[in-house]
PDB file of N, CA and C in Angstrom:
ATOM      1  N   MET A   1      32.143-206.200 210.775  1.00  0.00           N
ATOM      2  CA  MET A   1      32.807-206.269 209.486  1.00  0.00           C
ATOM      3  C   MET A   1      34.257-206.676 209.717  1.00  0.00           C
ATOM      4  N   SER A   2      34.716-207.603 208.899  1.00  0.00           N
ATOM      5  CA  SER A   2      36.079-208.094 209.075  1.00  0.00           C
ATOM      6  C   SER A   2      37.097-207.053 208.603  1.00  0.00           C
ATOM      7  N   LEU A   3      38.286-207.204 209.077  1.00  0.00           N
ATOM      8  CA  LEU A   3      39.366-206.279 208.741  1.00  0.00           C
ATOM      9  C   LEU A   3      39.698-206.342 207.253  1.00  0.00           C
ATOM     10  N   VAL A   4      39.666-207.527 206.683  1.00  0.00           N
ATOM     11  CA  VAL A   4      39.966-207.685 205.259  1.00  0.00           C
ATOM     12  C   VAL A   4      38.918-206.948 204.420  1.00  0.00           C
ATOM     13  N   LYS A   5      37.678-207.008 204.855  1.00  0.00           N
ATOM     14  CA  LYS A   5      36.605-206.319 204.129  1.00  0.00           C
ATOM     15  C   LYS A   5      36.790-204.801 204.207  1.00  0.00           C
ATOM     16  N   LYS A   6      37.210-204.307 205.359  1.00  0.00           N
ATOM     17  CA  LYS A   6      37.474-202.869 205.512  1.00  0.00           C
ATOM     18  C   LYS A   6      38.611-202.432 204.598  1.00  0.00           C
ATOM     19  N   ILE A   7      39.666-203.233 204.548  1.00  0.00           N
ATOM     20  CA  ILE A   7      40.808-202.913 203.676  1.00  0.00           C
ATOM     21  C   ILE A   7      40.373-202.929 202.219  1.00  0.00           C
ATOM     22  N   HIS A   8      39.532-203.884 201.866  1.00  0.00           N
ATOM     23  CA  HIS A   8      39.019-203.980 200.497  1.00  0.00           C
ATOM     24  C   HIS A   8      38.236-202.718 200.136  1.00  0.00           C
ATOM     25  N   GLU A   9      37.372-202.282 201.035  1.00  0.00           N
ATOM     26  CA  GLU A   9      36.573-201.076 200.772  1.00  0.00           C
ATOM     27  C   GLU A   9      37.456-199.829 200.663  1.00  0.00           C
ATOM     28  N   GLU A  10      38.422-199.699 201.564  1.00  0.00           N
ATOM     29  CA  GLU A  10      39.334-198.553 201.515  1.00  0.00           C
ATOM     30  C   GLU A  10      40.173-198.572 200.243  1.00  0.00           C
ATOM     31  N   SER A  11      40.556-199.762 199.797  1.00  0.00           N
ATOM     32  CA  SER A  11      41.322-199.883 198.565  1.00  0.00           C
ATOM     33  C   SER A  11      40.484-199.462 197.365  1.00  0.00           C
ATOM     34  N   GLN A  12      39.205-199.836 197.368  1.00  0.00           N
ATOM     35  CA  GLN A  12      38.311-199.421 196.288  1.00  0.00           C
ATOM     36  C   GLN A  12      38.148-197.904 196.266  1.00  0.00           C
ATOM     37  N   VAL A  13      37.968-197.310 197.435  1.00  0.00           N
ATOM     38  CA  VAL A  13      37.812-195.858 197.528  1.00  0.00           C
ATOM     39  C   VAL A  13      39.074-195.165 197.020  1.00  0.00           C
ATOM     40  N   LEU A  14      40.230-195.657 197.439  1.00  0.00           N
ATOM     41  CA  LEU A  14      41.506-195.078 197.018  1.00  0.00           C
ATOM     42  C   LEU A  14      41.707-195.228 195.516  1.00  0.00           C
ATOM     43  N   LEU A  15      41.362-196.379 194.978  1.00  0.00           N
ATOM     44  CA  LEU A  15      41.515-196.623 193.547  1.00  0.00           C
ATOM     45  C   LEU A  15      40.633-195.679 192.734  1.00  0.00           C
ATOM     46  N   MET A  16      39.396-195.508 193.149  1.00  0.00           N
ATOM     47  CA  MET A  16      38.490-194.595 192.436  1.00  0.00           C
ATOM     48  C   MET A  16      38.992-193.151 192.540  1.00  0.00           C
ATOM     49  N   PHE A  17      39.534-192.798 193.689  1.00  0.00           N
ATOM     50  CA  PHE A  17      40.070-191.443 193.881  1.00  0.00           C
ATOM     51  C   PHE A  17      41.269-191.209 192.972  1.00  0.00           C
ATOM     52  N   LEU A  18      42.138-192.207 192.845  1.00  0.00           N
ATOM     53  CA  LEU A  18      43.330-192.064 192.009  1.00  0.00           C
ATOM     54  C   LEU A  18      43.002-192.021 190.519  1.00  0.00           C
ATOM     55  N   LYS A  19      41.868-192.562 190.139  1.00  0.00           N
ATOM     56  CA  LYS A  19      41.483-192.555 188.729  1.00  0.00           C
ATOM     57  C   LYS A  19      40.989-191.193 188.272  1.00  0.00           C
ATOM     58  N   THR A  20      40.708-190.291 189.218  1.00  0.00           N
ATOM     59  CA  THR A  20      40.309-188.934 188.839  1.00  0.00           C
ATOM     60  C   THR A  20      41.555-188.158 188.415  1.00  0.00           C
ATOM     61  N   ALA A  21      41.336-187.183 187.559  1.00  0.00           N
ATOM     62  CA  ALA A  21      42.453-186.387 187.047  1.00  0.00           C
ATOM     63  C   ALA A  21      42.978-185.448 188.128  1.00  0.00           C
ATOM     64  N   LEU A  22      44.252-185.157 188.045  1.00  0.00           N
ATOM     65  CA  LEU A  22      44.887-184.218 188.959  1.00  0.00           C
ATOM     66  C   LEU A  22      44.418-182.809 188.611  1.00  0.00           C
ATOM     67  N   PRO A  23      43.881-182.052 189.573  1.00  0.00           N
ATOM     68  CA  PRO A  23      43.381-180.702 189.267  1.00  0.00           C
ATOM     69  C   PRO A  23      44.482-179.762 188.783  1.00  0.00           C
ATOM     70  N   GLU A  24      44.109-178.829 187.914  1.00  0.00           N
ATOM     71  CA  GLU A  24      45.070-177.858 187.385  1.00  0.00           C
ATOM     72  C   GLU A  24      45.319-176.715 188.367  1.00  0.00           C
ATOM     73  N   ASP A  25      44.293-176.321 189.107  1.00  0.00           N
ATOM     74  CA  ASP A  25      44.403-175.221 190.062  1.00  0.00           C
ATOM     75  C   ASP A  25      45.325-175.628 191.217  1.00  0.00           C
ATOM     76  N   PRO A  26      46.338-174.811 191.535  1.00  0.00           N
ATOM     77  CA  PRO A  26      47.292-175.194 192.600  1.00  0.00           C
ATOM     78  C   PRO A  26      46.632-175.440 193.962  1.00  0.00           C
ATOM     79  N   ASP A  27      45.622-174.652 194.320  1.00  0.00           N
ATOM     80  CA  ASP A  27      44.969-174.856 195.618  1.00  0.00           C
ATOM     81  C   ASP A  27      44.213-176.184 195.647  1.00  0.00           C
ATOM     82  N   LYS A  28      43.504-176.468 194.561  1.00  0.00           N
ATOM     83  CA  LYS A  28      42.777-177.733 194.490  1.00  0.00           C
ATOM     84  C   LYS A  28      43.745-178.910 194.417  1.00  0.00           C
ATOM     85  N   ARG A  29      44.889-178.697 193.774  1.00  0.00           N
ATOM     86  CA  ARG A  29      45.905-179.741 193.679  1.00  0.00           C
ATOM     87  C   ARG A  29      46.453-180.059 195.071  1.00  0.00           C
ATOM     88  N   ASP A  30      46.734-179.031 195.864  1.00  0.00           N
ATOM     89  CA  ASP A  30      47.217-179.257 197.225  1.00  0.00           C
ATOM     90  C   ASP A  30      46.177-180.005 198.054  1.00  0.00           C
ATOM     91  N   GLN A  31      44.914-179.638 197.878  1.00  0.00           N
ATOM     92  CA  GLN A  31      43.826-180.314 198.588  1.00  0.00           C
ATOM     93  C   GLN A  31      43.740-181.778 198.142  1.00  0.00           C
ATOM     94  N   PHE A  32      43.900-182.020 196.840  1.00  0.00           N
ATOM     95  CA  PHE A  32      43.880-183.378 196.297  1.00  0.00           C
ATOM     96  C   PHE A  32      44.998-184.210 196.923  1.00  0.00           C
ATOM     97  N   ILE A  33      46.193-183.640 196.988  1.00  0.00           N
ATOM     98  CA  ILE A  33      47.349-184.363 197.535  1.00  0.00           C
ATOM     99  C   ILE A  33      47.154-184.655 199.023  1.00  0.00           C
ATOM    100  N   SER A  34      46.643-183.689 199.773  1.00  0.00           N
ATOM    101  CA  SER A  34      46.434-183.932 201.210  1.00  0.00           C
ATOM    102  C   SER A  34      45.345-184.977 201.437  1.00  0.00           C
ATOM    103  N   GLU A  35      44.301-184.958 200.602  1.00  0.00           N
ATOM    104  CA  GLU A  35      43.254-185.971 200.715  1.00  0.00           C
ATOM    105  C   GLU A  35      43.803-187.355 200.357  1.00  0.00           C
ATOM    106  N   LEU A  36      44.663-187.403 199.356  1.00  0.00           N
ATOM    107  CA  LEU A  36      45.297-188.656 198.965  1.00  0.00           C
ATOM    108  C   LEU A  36      46.154-189.197 200.113  1.00  0.00           C
ATOM    109  N   GLU A  37      46.929-188.331 200.747  1.00  0.00           N
ATOM    110  CA  GLU A  37      47.752-188.748 201.874  1.00  0.00           C
ATOM    111  C   GLU A  37      46.893-189.302 203.008  1.00  0.00           C
ATOM    112  N   THR A  38      45.757-188.661 203.254  1.00  0.00           N
ATOM    113  CA  THR A  38      44.851-189.121 204.313  1.00  0.00           C
ATOM    114  C   THR A  38      44.327-190.513 204.000  1.00  0.00           C
ATOM    115  N   LYS A  39      43.896-190.719 202.761  1.00  0.00           N
ATOM    116  CA  LYS A  39      43.373-192.028 202.363  1.00  0.00           C
ATOM    117  C   LYS A  39      44.460-193.107 202.455  1.00  0.00           C
ATOM    118  N   LEU A  40      45.669-192.762 202.055  1.00  0.00           N
ATOM    119  CA  LEU A  40      46.772-193.716 202.151  1.00  0.00           C
ATOM    120  C   LEU A  40      47.088-194.053 203.606  1.00  0.00           C
ATOM    121  N   ASP A  41      47.040-193.048 204.478  1.00  0.00           N
ATOM    122  CA  ASP A  41      47.315-193.282 205.900  1.00  0.00           C
ATOM    123  C   ASP A  41      46.265-194.198 206.521  1.00  0.00           C
ATOM    124  N   VAL A  42      44.993-193.972 206.182  1.00  0.00           N
ATOM    125  CA  VAL A  42      43.917-194.812 206.720  1.00  0.00           C
ATOM    126  C   VAL A  42      44.108-196.256 206.268  1.00  0.00           C
ATOM    127  N   ARG A  43      44.394-196.428 204.987  1.00  0.00           N
ATOM    128  CA  ARG A  43      44.591-197.782 204.445  1.00  0.00           C
ATOM    129  C   ARG A  43      45.815-198.449 205.073  1.00  0.00           C
ATOM    130  N   GLU A  44      46.880-197.681 205.242  1.00  0.00           N
ATOM    131  CA  GLU A  44      48.089-198.227 205.844  1.00  0.00           C
ATOM    132  C   GLU A  44      47.828-198.678 207.286  1.00  0.00           C
ATOM    133  N   ALA A  45      47.074-197.877 208.031  1.00  0.00           N
ATOM    134  CA  ALA A  45      46.766-198.241 209.416  1.00  0.00           C
ATOM    135  C   ALA A  45      45.967-199.544 209.475  1.00  0.00           C
ATOM    136  N   LEU A  46      45.029-199.708 208.545  1.00  0.00           N
ATOM    137  CA  LEU A  46      44.248-200.944 208.515  1.00  0.00           C
ATOM    138  C   LEU A  46      45.129-202.147 208.161  1.00  0.00           C
ATOM    139  N   ILE A  47      46.022-201.955 207.213  1.00  0.00           N
ATOM    140  CA  ILE A  47      46.899-203.059 206.804  1.00  0.00           C
ATOM    141  C   ILE A  47      47.821-203.477 207.944  1.00  0.00           C
ATOM    142  N   LYS A  48      48.282-202.504 208.730  1.00  0.00           N
ATOM    143  CA  LYS A  48      49.168-202.829 209.857  1.00  0.00           C
ATOM    144  C   LYS A  48      48.448-203.621 210.943  1.00  0.00           C
ATOM    145  N   GLN A  49      47.113-203.546 210.978  1.00  0.00           N
ATOM    146  CA  GLN A  49      46.342-204.252 212.002  1.00  0.00           C
ATOM    147  C   GLN A  49      46.188-205.744 211.706  1.00  0.00           C
ATOM    148  N   ILE A  50      46.495-206.156 210.491  1.00  0.00           N
ATOM    149  CA  ILE A  50      46.351-207.576 210.132  1.00  0.00           C
ATOM    150  C   ILE A  50      47.385-208.387 210.897  1.00  0.00           C
ATOM    151  N   GLU A  51      46.887-209.410 211.595  1.00  0.00           N
ATOM    152  CA  GLU A  51      47.778-210.249 212.389  1.00  0.00           C
ATOM    153  C   GLU A  51      47.880-211.668 211.839  1.00  0.00           C
ATOM    154  N   CYS A  52      46.795-212.167 211.251  1.00  0.00           N
ATOM    155  CA  CYS A  52      46.815-213.530 210.740  1.00  0.00           C
ATOM    156  C   CYS A  52      46.306-213.548 209.298  1.00  0.00           C
ATOM    157  N   PRO A  53      46.634-214.579 208.556  1.00  0.00           N
ATOM    158  CA  PRO A  53      46.155-214.652 207.175  1.00  0.00           C
ATOM    159  C   PRO A  53      44.635-214.850 207.120  1.00  0.00           C
ATOM    160  N   PRO A  54      44.029-214.524 205.970  1.00  0.00           N
ATOM    161  CA  PRO A  54      42.576-214.693 205.837  1.00  0.00           C
ATOM    162  C   PRO A  54      42.163-216.149 206.062  1.00  0.00           C
ATOM    163  N   ILE A  55      41.053-216.330 206.775  1.00  0.00           N
ATOM    164  CA  ILE A  55      40.627-217.672 207.149  1.00  0.00           C
ATOM    165  C   ILE A  55      39.519-218.192 206.233  1.00  0.00           C
ATOM    166  N   THR A  56      38.474-217.427 206.041  1.00  0.00           N
ATOM    167  CA  THR A  56      37.341-217.899 205.248  1.00  0.00           C
ATOM    168  C   THR A  56      37.621-217.753 203.759  1.00  0.00           C
ATOM    169  N   ASP A  57      36.831-218.435 202.964  1.00  0.00           N
ATOM    170  CA  ASP A  57      36.977-218.359 201.510  1.00  0.00           C
ATOM    171  C   ASP A  57      36.677-216.949 201.009  1.00  0.00           C
ATOM    172  N   GLU A  58      35.689-216.307 201.633  1.00  0.00           N
ATOM    173  CA  GLU A  58      35.338-214.935 201.236  1.00  0.00           C
ATOM    174  C   GLU A  58      36.513-213.987 201.484  1.00  0.00           C
ATOM    175  N   GLU A  59      37.160-214.148 202.630  1.00  0.00           N
ATOM    176  CA  GLU A  59      38.314-213.303 202.949  1.00  0.00           C
ATOM    177  C   GLU A  59      39.473-213.573 201.995  1.00  0.00           C
ATOM    178  N   LYS A  60      39.641-214.824 201.586  1.00  0.00           N
ATOM    179  CA  LYS A  60      40.708-215.163 200.641  1.00  0.00           C
ATOM    180  C   LYS A  60      40.460-214.505 199.285  1.00  0.00           C
ATOM    181  N   GLU A  61      39.213-214.511 198.838  1.00  0.00           N
ATOM    182  CA  GLU A  61      38.866-213.862 197.568  1.00  0.00           C
ATOM    183  C   GLU A  61      39.081-212.350 197.665  1.00  0.00           C
ATOM    184  N   LEU A  62      38.664-211.772 198.781  1.00  0.00           N
ATOM    185  CA  LEU A  62      38.871-210.336 198.989  1.00  0.00           C
ATOM    186  C   LEU A  62      40.359-210.007 199.015  1.00  0.00           C
ATOM    187  N   ALA A  63      41.146-210.874 199.630  1.00  0.00           N
ATOM    188  CA  ALA A  63      42.594-210.640 199.693  1.00  0.00           C
ATOM    189  C   ALA A  63      43.199-210.667 198.292  1.00  0.00           C
ATOM    190  N   LYS A  64      42.740-211.580 197.437  1.00  0.00           N
ATOM    191  CA  LYS A  64      43.232-211.625 196.059  1.00  0.00           C
ATOM    192  C   LYS A  64      42.868-210.345 195.314  1.00  0.00           C
ATOM    193  N   GLU A  65      41.635-209.868 195.513  1.00  0.00           N
ATOM    194  CA  GLU A  65      41.205-208.630 194.871  1.00  0.00           C
ATOM    195  C   GLU A  65      42.019-207.437 195.386  1.00  0.00           C
ATOM    196  N   ILE A  66      42.329-207.449 196.684  1.00  0.00           N
ATOM    197  CA  ILE A  66      43.136-206.376 197.268  1.00  0.00           C
ATOM    198  C   ILE A  66      44.520-206.352 196.623  1.00  0.00           C
ATOM    199  N   ILE A  67      45.098-207.505 196.406  1.00  0.00           N
ATOM    200  CA  ILE A  67      46.428-207.577 195.791  1.00  0.00           C
ATOM    201  C   ILE A  67      46.386-207.018 194.372  1.00  0.00           C
ATOM    202  N   ILE A  68      45.341-207.381 193.620  1.00  0.00           N
ATOM    203  CA  ILE A  68      45.193-206.863 192.257  1.00  0.00           C
ATOM    204  C   ILE A  68      45.010-205.349 192.282  1.00  0.00           C
ATOM    205  N   MET A  69      44.155-204.879 193.197  1.00  0.00           N
ATOM    206  CA  MET A  69      43.930-203.426 193.315  1.00  0.00           C
ATOM    207  C   MET A  69      45.203-202.716 193.742  1.00  0.00           C
ATOM    208  N   ASN A  70      45.983-203.356 194.610  1.00  0.00           N
ATOM    209  CA  ASN A  70      47.222-202.746 195.090  1.00  0.00           C
ATOM    210  C   ASN A  70      48.196-202.498 193.944  1.00  0.00           C
ATOM    211  N   ASP A  71      48.268-203.437 193.002  1.00  0.00           N
ATOM    212  CA  ASP A  71      49.135-203.244 191.837  1.00  0.00           C
ATOM    213  C   ASP A  71      48.679-202.034 191.022  1.00  0.00           C
ATOM    214  N   GLU A  72      47.380-201.926 190.814  1.00  0.00           N
ATOM    215  CA  GLU A  72      46.842-200.800 190.053  1.00  0.00           C
ATOM    216  C   GLU A  72      47.039-199.485 190.805  1.00  0.00           C
ATOM    217  N   ILE A  73      46.859-199.526 192.120  1.00  0.00           N
ATOM    218  CA  ILE A  73      47.067-198.329 192.945  1.00  0.00           C
ATOM    219  C   ILE A  73      48.519-197.882 192.852  1.00  0.00           C
ATOM    220  N   SER A  74      49.445-198.828 192.892  1.00  0.00           N
ATOM    221  CA  SER A  74      50.871-198.487 192.796  1.00  0.00           C
ATOM    222  C   SER A  74      51.184-197.815 191.462  1.00  0.00           C
ATOM    223  N   GLU A  75      50.637-198.362 190.381  1.00  0.00           N
ATOM    224  CA  GLU A  75      50.862-197.768 189.059  1.00  0.00           C
ATOM    225  C   GLU A  75      50.291-196.354 188.988  1.00  0.00           C
ATOM    226  N   LEU A  76      49.094-196.171 189.530  1.00  0.00           N
ATOM    227  CA  LEU A  76      48.473-194.843 189.498  1.00  0.00           C
ATOM    228  C   LEU A  76      49.240-193.853 190.367  1.00  0.00           C
ATOM    229  N   LEU A  77      49.760-194.307 191.497  1.00  0.00           N
ATOM    230  CA  LEU A  77      50.554-193.421 192.352  1.00  0.00           C
ATOM    231  C   LEU A  77      51.839-192.989 191.653  1.00  0.00           C
ATOM    232  N   VAL A  78      52.480-193.915 190.955  1.00  0.00           N
ATOM    233  CA  VAL A  78      53.694-193.572 190.209  1.00  0.00           C
ATOM    234  C   VAL A  78      53.350-192.562 189.114  1.00  0.00           C
ATOM    235  N   SER A  79      52.230-192.777 188.450  1.00  0.00           N
ATOM    236  CA  SER A  79      51.796-191.860 187.391  1.00  0.00           C
ATOM    237  C   SER A  79      51.535-190.456 187.940  1.00  0.00           C
ATOM    238  N   LYS A  80      50.819-190.381 189.060  1.00  0.00           N
ATOM    239  CA  LYS A  80      50.533-189.072 189.681  1.00  0.00           C
ATOM    240  C   LYS A  80      51.834-188.415 190.123  1.00  0.00           C
ATOM    241  N   ASN A  81      52.763-189.200 190.661  1.00  0.00           N
ATOM    242  CA  ASN A  81      54.047-188.668 191.104  1.00  0.00           C
ATOM    243  C   ASN A  81      54.818-188.080 189.929  1.00  0.00           C
ATOM    244  N   ARG A  82      54.843-188.790 188.807  1.00  0.00           N
ATOM    245  CA  ARG A  82      55.529-188.273 187.614  1.00  0.00           C
ATOM    246  C   ARG A  82      54.894-186.977 187.133  1.00  0.00           C
ATOM    247  N   GLU A  83      53.574-186.941 187.157  1.00  0.00           N
ATOM    248  CA  GLU A  83      52.870-185.739 186.706  1.00  0.00           C
ATOM    249  C   GLU A  83      53.211-184.546 187.596  1.00  0.00           C
ATOM    250  N   ILE A  84      53.254-184.766 188.889  1.00  0.00           N
ATOM    251  CA  ILE A  84      53.590-183.694 189.827  1.00  0.00           C
ATOM    252  C   ILE A  84      55.041-183.259 189.625  1.00  0.00           C
ATOM    253  N   GLN A  85      55.957-184.219 189.461  1.00  0.00           N
ATOM    254  CA  GLN A  85      57.364-183.890 189.234  1.00  0.00           C
ATOM    255  C   GLN A  85      57.542-183.094 187.946  1.00  0.00           C
ATOM    256  N   ARG A  86      56.812-183.472 186.910  1.00  0.00           N
ATOM    257  CA  ARG A  86      56.887-182.749 185.639  1.00  0.00           C
ATOM    258  C   ARG A  86      56.407-181.306 185.818  1.00  0.00           C
ATOM    259  N   ASP A  87      55.341-181.119 186.585  1.00  0.00           N
ATOM    260  CA  ASP A  87      54.844-179.770 186.837  1.00  0.00           C
ATOM    261  C   ASP A  87      55.845-178.945 187.647  1.00  0.00           C
ATOM    262  N   ILE A  88      56.518-179.577 188.594  1.00  0.00           N
ATOM    263  CA  ILE A  88      57.524-178.871 189.390  1.00  0.00           C
ATOM    264  C   ILE A  88      58.667-178.420 188.495  1.00  0.00           C
ATOM    265  N   GLU A  89      59.145-179.317 187.623  1.00  0.00           N
ATOM    266  CA  GLU A  89      60.228-178.964 186.700  1.00  0.00           C
ATOM    267  C   GLU A  89      59.807-177.842 185.759  1.00  0.00           C
ATOM    268  N   GLN A  90      58.581-177.901 185.286  1.00  0.00           N
ATOM    269  CA  GLN A  90      58.071-176.867 184.389  1.00  0.00           C
ATOM    270  C   GLN A  90      58.003-175.517 185.106  1.00  0.00           C
ATOM    271  N   THR A  91      57.591-175.520 186.353  1.00  0.00           N
ATOM    272  CA  THR A  91      57.541-174.289 187.134  1.00  0.00           C
ATOM    273  C   THR A  91      58.944-173.733 187.357  1.00  0.00           C
ATOM    274  N   LYS A  92      59.911-174.605 187.625  1.00  0.00           N
ATOM    275  CA  LYS A  92      61.295-174.152 187.801  1.00  0.00           C
ATOM    276  C   LYS A  92      61.822-173.507 186.524  1.00  0.00           C
ATOM    277  N   ARG A  93      61.520-174.122 185.373  1.00  0.00           N
ATOM    278  CA  ARG A  93      61.973-173.552 184.099  1.00  0.00           C
ATOM    279  C   ARG A  93      61.321-172.198 183.844  1.00  0.00           C
ATOM    280  N   LYS A  94      60.035-172.066 184.187  1.00  0.00           N
ATOM    281  CA  LYS A  94      59.350-170.789 184.003  1.00  0.00           C
ATOM    282  C   LYS A  94      59.977-169.701 184.866  1.00  0.00           C
ATOM    283  N   LYS A  95      60.306-170.043 186.104  1.00  0.00           N
ATOM    284  CA  LYS A  95      60.944-169.074 186.998  1.00  0.00           C
ATOM    285  C   LYS A  95      62.308-168.660 186.466  1.00  0.00           C
ATOM    286  N   GLN A  96      63.086-169.642 185.991  1.00  0.00           N
ATOM    287  CA  GLN A  96      64.421-169.354 185.475  1.00  0.00           C
ATOM    288  C   GLN A  96      64.328-168.477 184.227  1.00  0.00           C
ATOM    289  N   THR A  97      63.397-168.768 183.343  1.00  0.00           N
ATOM    290  CA  THR A  97      63.206-167.960 182.140  1.00  0.00           C
ATOM    291  C   THR A  97      62.760-166.551 182.518  1.00  0.00           C
ATOM    292  N   GLY A  98      61.886-166.447 183.489  1.00  0.00           N
ATOM    293  CA  GLY A  98      61.426-165.135 183.947  1.00  0.00           C
ATOM    294  C   GLY A  98      62.574-164.309 184.499  1.00  0.00           C
ATOM    295  N   ARG A  99      63.476-164.948 185.249  1.00  0.00           N
ATOM    296  CA  ARG A  99      64.632-164.232 185.786  1.00  0.00           C
ATOM    297  C   ARG A  99      65.557-163.749 184.673  1.00  0.00           C
ATOM    298  N   LYS A 100      65.702-164.537 183.634  1.00  0.00           N
ATOM    299  CA  LYS A 100      66.552-164.128 182.515  1.00  0.00           C
ATOM    300  C   LYS A 100      65.980-162.909 181.800  1.00  0.00           C
ATOM    301  N   TYR A 101      64.661-162.837 181.710  1.00  0.00           N
ATOM    302  CA  TYR A 101      64.041-161.673 181.086  1.00  0.00           C
ATOM    303  C   TYR A 101      64.135-160.440 181.980  1.00  0.00           C
ATOM    304  N   GLU A 102      64.040-160.642 183.293  1.00  0.00           N
ATOM    305  CA  GLU A 102      64.113-159.515 184.220  1.00  0.00           C
ATOM    306  C   GLU A 102      65.513-158.915 184.256  1.00  0.00           C
ATOM    307  N   ASN A 103      66.535-159.755 184.239  1.00  0.00           N
ATOM    308  CA  ASN A 103      67.901-159.284 184.305  1.00  0.00           C
ATOM    309  C   ASN A 103      68.744-160.083 183.309  1.00  0.00           C
ATOM    310  N   PRO A 104      68.753-159.657 182.047  1.00  0.00           N
ATOM    311  CA  PRO A 104      69.443-160.448 181.023  1.00  0.00           C
ATOM    312  C   PRO A 104      70.966-160.440 181.147  1.00  0.00           C
ATOM    313  N   TYR A 105      71.536-159.503 181.910  1.00  0.00           N
ATOM    314  CA  TYR A 105      72.992-159.406 182.025  1.00  0.00           C
ATOM    315  C   TYR A 105      73.522-160.111 183.264  1.00  0.00           C
ATOM    316  N   ASP A 106      72.654-160.748 183.992  1.00  0.00           N
ATOM    317  CA  ASP A 106      73.066-161.483 185.182  1.00  0.00           C
ATOM    318  C   ASP A 106      73.594-162.849 184.760  1.00  0.00           C
ATOM    319  N   GLY A 107      74.733-163.217 185.268  1.00  0.00           N
ATOM    320  CA  GLY A 107      75.291-164.527 184.969  1.00  0.00           C
ATOM    321  C   GLY A 107      76.261-164.483 183.814  1.00  0.00           C
ATOM    322  N   PRO A 108      76.963-165.572 183.619  1.00  0.00           N
ATOM    323  CA  PRO A 108      77.977-165.612 182.555  1.00  0.00           C
ATOM    324  C   PRO A 108      77.332-165.678 181.168  1.00  0.00           C
ATOM    325  N   THR A 109      77.910-164.927 180.254  1.00  0.00           N
ATOM    326  CA  THR A 109      77.493-164.992 178.860  1.00  0.00           C
ATOM    327  C   THR A 109      78.728-165.192 178.002  1.00  0.00           C
ATOM    328  N   SER A 110      78.585-165.797 176.862  1.00  0.00           N
ATOM    329  CA  SER A 110      79.730-166.021 175.981  1.00  0.00           C
ATOM    330  C   SER A 110      79.798-164.957 174.897  1.00  0.00           C
ATOM    331  N   GLU A 111      78.831-164.059 174.880  1.00  0.00           N
ATOM    332  CA  GLU A 111      78.815-163.011 173.862  1.00  0.00           C
ATOM    333  C   GLU A 111      79.747-161.873 174.268  1.00  0.00           C
ATOM    334  N   GLY A 112      80.495-161.355 173.311  1.00  0.00           N
ATOM    335  CA  GLY A 112      81.334-160.199 173.567  1.00  0.00           C
ATOM    336  C   GLY A 112      82.612-160.503 174.315  1.00  0.00           C
ATOM    337  N   ILE A 113      82.973-161.758 174.419  1.00  0.00           N
ATOM    338  CA  ILE A 113      84.210-162.123 175.121  1.00  0.00           C
ATOM    339  C   ILE A 113      85.283-162.371 174.075  1.00  0.00           C
ATOM    340  N   PHE A 114      86.458-161.799 174.335  1.00  0.00           N
ATOM    341  CA  PHE A 114      87.580-161.981 173.426  1.00  0.00           C
ATOM    342  C   PHE A 114      88.507-163.033 174.010  1.00  0.00           C
ATOM    343  N   PHE A 115      88.790-164.069 173.234  1.00  0.00           N
ATOM    344  CA  PHE A 115      89.728-165.096 173.656  1.00  0.00           C
ATOM    345  C   PHE A 115      91.038-164.887 172.898  1.00  0.00           C
ATOM    346  N   ASP A 116      92.117-164.738 173.638  1.00  0.00           N
ATOM    347  CA  ASP A 116      93.432-164.542 173.044  1.00  0.00           C
ATOM    348  C   ASP A 116      94.016-165.897 172.686  1.00  0.00           C
ATOM    349  N   LYS A 117      94.284-166.122 171.425  1.00  0.00           N
ATOM    350  CA  LYS A 117      94.782-167.403 170.969  1.00  0.00           C
ATOM    351  C   LYS A 117      96.285-167.538 171.115  1.00  0.00           C
ATOM    352  N   ARG A 118      96.984-166.410 171.385  1.00  0.00           N
ATOM    353  CA  ARG A 118      98.455-166.455 171.467  1.00  0.00           C
ATOM    354  C   ARG A 118      98.942-167.045 172.763  1.00  0.00           C
ATOM    355  N   GLY A 119      98.091-167.094 173.776  1.00  0.00           N
ATOM    356  CA  GLY A 119      98.485-167.674 175.050  1.00  0.00           C
ATOM    357  C   GLY A 119      99.313-166.739 175.895  1.00  0.00           C
ATOM    358  N   VAL A 120      99.208-165.459 175.680  1.00  0.00           N
ATOM    359  CA  VAL A 120      99.995-164.475 176.423  1.00  0.00           C
ATOM    360  C   VAL A 120      99.386-164.225 177.769  1.00  0.00           C
TER     361      VAL A 120
END
């Protein structure tokens, strides 16, 4: 099997994997991310092995399909990244809100402060 064909197959597998929804469960999400990293590493290793441009017409067609799939893979990766970043921000806000409920007098508050307008 040619190298271009292997890259094409790995790209298809990666694309189908990225089209699945990100799991809600944190453990499954971590497993999803590690599996995604593994698939990306395998594909990257295959791409680095390419030394010359595709020679046959079949390889040229596969290369065109790989380029199209690569664009879609990039968009899906950006989408997954945004989703993960949004979840991280949401978790940070939940932690901060939880801390405010646990200790409401911690930190600066503007309530009950007297400001002297005379400048003394």
